[in-house]
Amino acid sequence: MLGKHFPDRRRRGGRSWIFAFALGVLSCLLMLLTLVWTNIERVDTSYFITRTHEEIAERKDHMAKLEVEKERLLTPHELRQNAVKYGMHEPFPGQIRRME
């Protein structure tokens, strides 16, 4: 007698688990896609950070080399050689003006 009054209830119950299963599978796929995307972003960010650290180290090395070159060019011996090369000489007495 219950079967006559509620004939559609059994059919809906049979179909609802399929809907729930499909929803669960779609949710899992969405979570997996999100997980893969975040891992790709993490690796990309890690690569960017590593490359930036390498670039900073290269620039520091280059700055150190430039400082050494600057100090070498400012030595008195090097300055005298460049002065002779460009026709310069030390000032004669009376050519220097001191201002206070």
Protein backbone atom coordinates (compact mmCIF):
# COMPACT_ATOMS: atom_id res chain seq x y z
CA MET A 1 0.00 0.00 0.00
CA LEU A 2 2.85 2.43 0.68
CA GLY A 3 4.21 1.61 -2.78
CA LYS A 4 0.99 2.83 -4.38
CA HIS A 5 0.95 6.17 -2.59
CA PHE A 6 4.66 6.97 -3.06
CA PRO A 7 5.72 5.38 -6.35
CA ASP A 8 8.12 8.18 -7.37
CA ARG A 9 9.96 8.23 -4.07
CA ARG A 10 11.96 5.09 -4.88
CA ARG A 11 12.97 6.42 -8.26
CA ARG A 12 14.17 9.76 -6.89
CA GLY A 13 16.15 8.00 -4.21
CA GLY A 14 17.82 5.93 -6.90
CA ARG A 15 18.74 8.97 -8.94
CA SER A 16 19.83 11.22 -6.08
CA TRP A 17 22.91 9.12 -5.28
CA ILE A 18 24.02 9.48 -8.91
CA PHE A 19 23.64 13.25 -8.63
CA ALA A 20 25.57 13.27 -5.33
CA PHE A 21 28.28 11.06 -6.82
CA ALA A 22 28.61 13.31 -9.89
CA LEU A 23 28.76 16.37 -7.66
CA GLY A 24 31.47 14.72 -5.56
CA VAL A 25 33.51 13.81 -8.65
CA LEU A 26 33.21 17.35 -9.99
CA SER A 27 34.26 18.74 -6.62
CA CYS A 28 37.31 16.45 -6.55
CA LEU A 29 38.26 17.48 -10.08
CA LEU A 30 37.93 21.13 -9.16
CA MET A 31 40.11 20.66 -6.06
CA LEU A 32 42.73 18.76 -8.08
CA LEU A 33 42.78 21.48 -10.71
CA THR A 34 43.22 24.10 -7.99
CA LEU A 35 46.02 22.07 -6.41
CA VAL A 36 47.87 21.76 -9.72
CA TRP A 37 47.45 25.46 -10.44
CA THR A 38 48.79 26.48 -7.02
CA ASN A 39 51.78 24.15 -7.41
CA ILE A 40 52.58 25.67 -10.80
CA GLU A 41 52.36 29.15 -9.30
CA ARG A 42 54.60 28.10 -6.39
CA VAL A 43 57.25 26.74 -8.74
CA ASP A 44 57.04 29.86 -10.91
CA THR A 45 57.44 32.12 -7.88
CA SER A 46 60.34 30.04 -6.59
CA TYR A 47 62.09 30.31 -9.97
CA PHE A 48 61.54 34.08 -10.01
CA ILE A 49 62.97 34.45 -6.50
CA THR A 50 66.01 32.30 -7.35
CA ARG A 51 66.68 34.27 -10.55
CA THR A 52 66.37 37.56 -8.65
CA HIS A 53 68.88 36.38 -6.01
CA GLU A 54 71.30 35.41 -8.79
CA GLU A 55 70.89 38.78 -10.46
CA ILE A 56 71.55 40.59 -7.17
CA ALA A 57 74.72 38.54 -6.62
CA GLU A 58 75.91 39.34 -10.16
CA ARG A 59 75.32 43.06 -9.62
CA LYS A 60 77.20 43.00 -6.31
CA ASP A 61 80.15 41.29 -8.00
CA HIS A 62 80.08 43.85 -10.79
CA MET A 63 79.97 46.73 -8.28
CA ALA A 64 82.95 45.29 -6.41
CA LYS A 65 84.93 45.07 -9.68
CA LEU A 66 84.01 48.65 -10.55
CA GLU A 67 85.15 49.86 -7.11
CA VAL A 68 88.51 48.14 -7.59
CA GLU A 69 88.88 49.72 -11.05
CA LYS A 70 87.97 53.16 -9.67
CA GLU A 71 90.57 52.87 -6.92
CA ARG A 72 93.19 51.79 -9.46
CA LEU A 73 92.43 54.77 -11.70
CA LEU A 74 92.71 57.20 -8.78
CA THR A 75 96.21 56.13 -7.74
CA PRO A 76 98.82 58.93 -8.04
CA HIS A 77 100.89 56.93 -10.51
CA GLU A 78 97.92 56.39 -12.84
CA LEU A 79 96.88 60.05 -12.54
CA ARG A 80 100.41 61.21 -13.51
CA GLN A 81 100.42 58.91 -16.53
CA ASN A 82 97.04 60.20 -17.70
CA ALA A 83 98.13 63.83 -17.15
CA VAL A 84 101.21 63.33 -19.35
CA LYS A 85 99.10 61.53 -21.95
CA TYR A 86 96.66 64.47 -22.17
CA GLY A 87 99.32 67.20 -22.00
CA MET A 88 98.58 68.37 -18.48
CA HIS A 89 101.16 69.54 -15.92
CA GLU A 90 101.26 70.65 -12.32
CA PRO A 91 100.21 74.26 -11.74
CA PHE A 92 102.93 76.87 -11.49
CA PRO A 93 103.21 79.04 -8.38
CA GLY A 94 100.61 81.78 -8.52
CA GLN A 95 98.13 79.76 -10.58
CA ILE A 96 96.37 78.40 -7.51
CA ARG A 97 93.72 80.61 -5.92
CA ARG A 98 92.49 79.74 -2.48
CA MET A 99 89.03 80.86 -1.47
CA GLU A 100 87.61 80.82 1.99
